[in-house]
Amino acid sequence: MTGDQPQVVSASGANKQVGILIVEDEALVASYIKDVLEESGFTVAGIASSGREALSLAEQNRPTLALVDIRLAGPMDGVEVACRLNEHFAVRAIFLSGLVDRDTEERAKSAQALGFLRKPFLPSQVFNTIERVLQRTGT
């Protein structure tokens, strides 16, 4: 297997009902995450590039989880988006990020995130993190 080929991992059939909202402002990264989720058997409940779009999609599609980039462009960063998703729709987040400073890390705790994936990540890391979260939450 070359480094360019994605590692495909299959989720159990029960996970096909798990809708995951992707909140990522970099289109290529969002597309990659979407492909990884779909190849792993998860349903993508939408892709949002901003906080406002994420909240709108959550209201329409009622996802089970959200993968949220901490550093979003626009007036709401990922921490605020994750807090609002949890408060308004009971949608918990798994954060995505490259580098995180201490202040942001402290703020991220207030969002009660279920996990954290550091960029760049492998498809297996995405799958394993989601599986652990689903097992832990009984979803």
Protein backbone atom coordinates (compact mmCIF):
# COMPACT_ATOMS: atom_id res chain seq x y z
CA MET A 1 0.00 0.00 0.00
CA THR A 2 1.43 3.37 -0.97
CA GLY A 3 1.20 6.49 1.17
CA ASP A 4 -1.27 8.04 -1.29
CA GLN A 5 -3.94 5.37 -0.90
CA PRO A 6 -6.46 5.87 1.90
CA GLN A 7 -6.77 3.11 4.44
CA VAL A 8 -10.40 1.99 4.35
CA VAL A 9 -11.94 0.69 7.52
CA SER A 10 -15.49 -0.63 7.66
CA ALA A 11 -17.87 0.31 10.40
CA SER A 12 -20.47 -2.08 11.71
CA GLY A 13 -23.91 -1.93 10.08
CA ALA A 14 -25.41 -0.14 13.09
CA ASN A 15 -23.22 2.89 12.45
CA LYS A 16 -24.85 3.60 9.10
CA GLN A 17 -27.57 5.36 11.10
CA VAL A 18 -25.02 7.66 12.75
CA GLY A 19 -25.17 11.05 11.04
CA ILE A 20 -21.99 13.08 11.36
CA LEU A 21 -21.83 16.80 10.63
CA ILE A 22 -18.49 18.02 9.28
CA VAL A 23 -17.59 21.59 10.26
CA GLU A 24 -14.44 22.49 8.35
CA ASP A 25 -13.65 25.65 6.39
CA GLU A 26 -10.98 24.07 4.16
CA ALA A 27 -12.86 22.43 1.26
CA LEU A 28 -10.18 19.82 0.51
CA VAL A 29 -9.98 18.72 4.14
CA ALA A 30 -13.78 18.58 4.41
CA SER A 31 -14.00 16.49 1.24
CA TYR A 32 -11.32 14.11 2.54
CA ILE A 33 -13.17 13.68 5.86
CA LYS A 34 -16.44 13.06 4.00
CA ASP A 35 -14.81 10.33 1.91
CA VAL A 36 -13.27 8.71 5.00
CA LEU A 37 -16.59 8.71 6.85
CA GLU A 38 -18.57 7.32 3.93
CA GLU A 39 -15.96 4.61 3.23
CA SER A 40 -16.15 3.68 6.91
CA GLY A 41 -19.93 3.25 6.71
CA PHE A 42 -21.03 6.45 8.40
CA THR A 43 -23.62 8.87 7.04
CA VAL A 44 -22.52 12.47 6.49
CA ALA A 45 -25.26 14.78 7.76
CA GLY A 46 -23.73 17.76 5.95
CA ILE A 47 -20.61 19.82 5.48
CA ALA A 48 -20.47 23.32 6.91
CA SER A 49 -17.70 25.84 6.32
CA SER A 50 -18.92 28.31 8.96
CA GLY A 51 -20.59 28.35 12.34
CA ARG A 52 -23.84 29.76 10.97
CA GLU A 53 -24.00 27.04 8.31
CA ALA A 54 -23.25 24.34 10.90
CA LEU A 55 -26.11 25.45 13.13
CA SER A 56 -28.50 25.56 10.18
CA LEU A 57 -27.51 22.06 9.04
CA ALA A 58 -27.81 20.72 12.58
CA GLU A 59 -31.33 22.08 12.83
CA GLN A 60 -32.31 20.52 9.49
CA ASN A 61 -30.49 17.18 9.69
CA ARG A 62 -30.20 16.43 13.43
CA PRO A 63 -26.77 14.75 13.35
CA THR A 64 -25.57 12.37 16.03
CA LEU A 65 -22.07 13.90 16.23
CA ALA A 66 -20.07 16.74 14.74
CA LEU A 67 -16.44 16.81 13.66
CA VAL A 68 -15.50 20.45 14.26
CA ASP A 69 -12.33 22.27 13.26
CA ILE A 70 -11.34 24.49 16.18
CA ARG A 71 -9.96 27.24 13.93
CA LEU A 72 -12.83 28.27 11.67
CA ALA A 73 -12.83 31.46 9.65
CA GLY A 74 -15.61 33.89 10.50
CA PRO A 75 -17.16 35.32 13.62
CA MET A 76 -17.56 31.94 15.41
CA ASP A 77 -14.62 29.65 16.01
CA GLY A 78 -15.03 25.90 16.40
CA VAL A 79 -15.22 26.05 20.19
CA GLU A 80 -18.21 28.39 20.06
CA VAL A 81 -19.84 26.29 17.33
CA ALA A 82 -19.38 23.11 19.40
CA CYS A 83 -20.89 24.79 22.47
CA ARG A 84 -23.93 25.97 20.49
CA LEU A 85 -24.42 22.58 18.82
CA ASN A 86 -24.43 20.96 22.24
CA GLU A 87 -26.70 23.58 23.87
CA HIS A 88 -29.29 23.87 21.10
CA PHE A 89 -29.31 20.42 19.50
CA ALA A 90 -27.61 18.07 22.00
CA VAL A 91 -24.96 17.36 19.35
CA ARG A 92 -21.56 16.70 20.88
CA ALA A 93 -18.34 17.39 19.03
CA ILE A 94 -15.02 15.80 18.27
CA PHE A 95 -12.51 18.57 17.63
CA LEU A 96 -10.13 18.68 14.69
CA SER A 97 -7.07 20.87 14.77
CA GLY A 98 -3.43 21.25 13.90
CA LEU A 99 -1.83 23.49 16.46
CA VAL A 100 -3.75 24.63 19.50
CA ASP A 101 -2.57 27.27 21.97
CA ARG A 102 -3.22 26.97 25.71
CA ASP A 103 -6.03 29.56 25.75
CA THR A 104 -7.90 27.77 22.98
CA GLU A 105 -7.32 24.42 24.67
CA GLU A 106 -8.81 25.79 27.90
CA ARG A 107 -11.82 27.21 26.04
CA ALA A 108 -12.26 23.88 24.25
CA LYS A 109 -12.89 22.19 27.60
CA SER A 110 -16.05 24.28 28.00
CA ALA A 111 -17.49 22.65 24.87
CA GLN A 112 -17.41 19.22 26.55
CA ALA A 113 -15.92 17.68 23.42
CA LEU A 114 -15.97 13.91 23.17
CA GLY A 115 -12.58 13.67 21.52
CA PHE A 116 -9.77 15.40 19.70
CA LEU A 117 -8.10 14.57 16.39
CA ARG A 118 -4.85 16.31 15.54
CA LYS A 119 -4.26 17.16 11.88
CA PRO A 120 -2.99 15.52 9.82
CA PHE A 121 -4.78 12.30 10.72
CA LEU A 122 -5.15 8.88 9.16
CA PRO A 123 -8.54 7.43 8.15
CA SER A 124 -8.11 4.75 10.82
CA GLN A 125 -7.70 7.45 13.48
CA VAL A 126 -10.97 9.10 12.44
CA PHE A 127 -12.80 5.77 12.47
CA ASN A 128 -11.31 4.63 15.80
CA THR A 129 -12.06 7.93 17.52
CA ILE A 130 -15.68 7.89 16.36
CA GLU A 131 -16.09 4.22 17.33
CA ARG A 132 -14.71 4.90 20.84
CA VAL A 133 -17.03 7.88 21.26
CA LEU A 134 -20.07 5.87 20.11
CA GLN A 135 -19.23 3.02 22.46
CA ARG A 136 -18.65 5.41 25.37
CA THR A 137 -21.90 7.29 24.79
CA GLY A 138 -23.96 4.21 23.93
CA THR A 139 -24.99 5.73 20.59
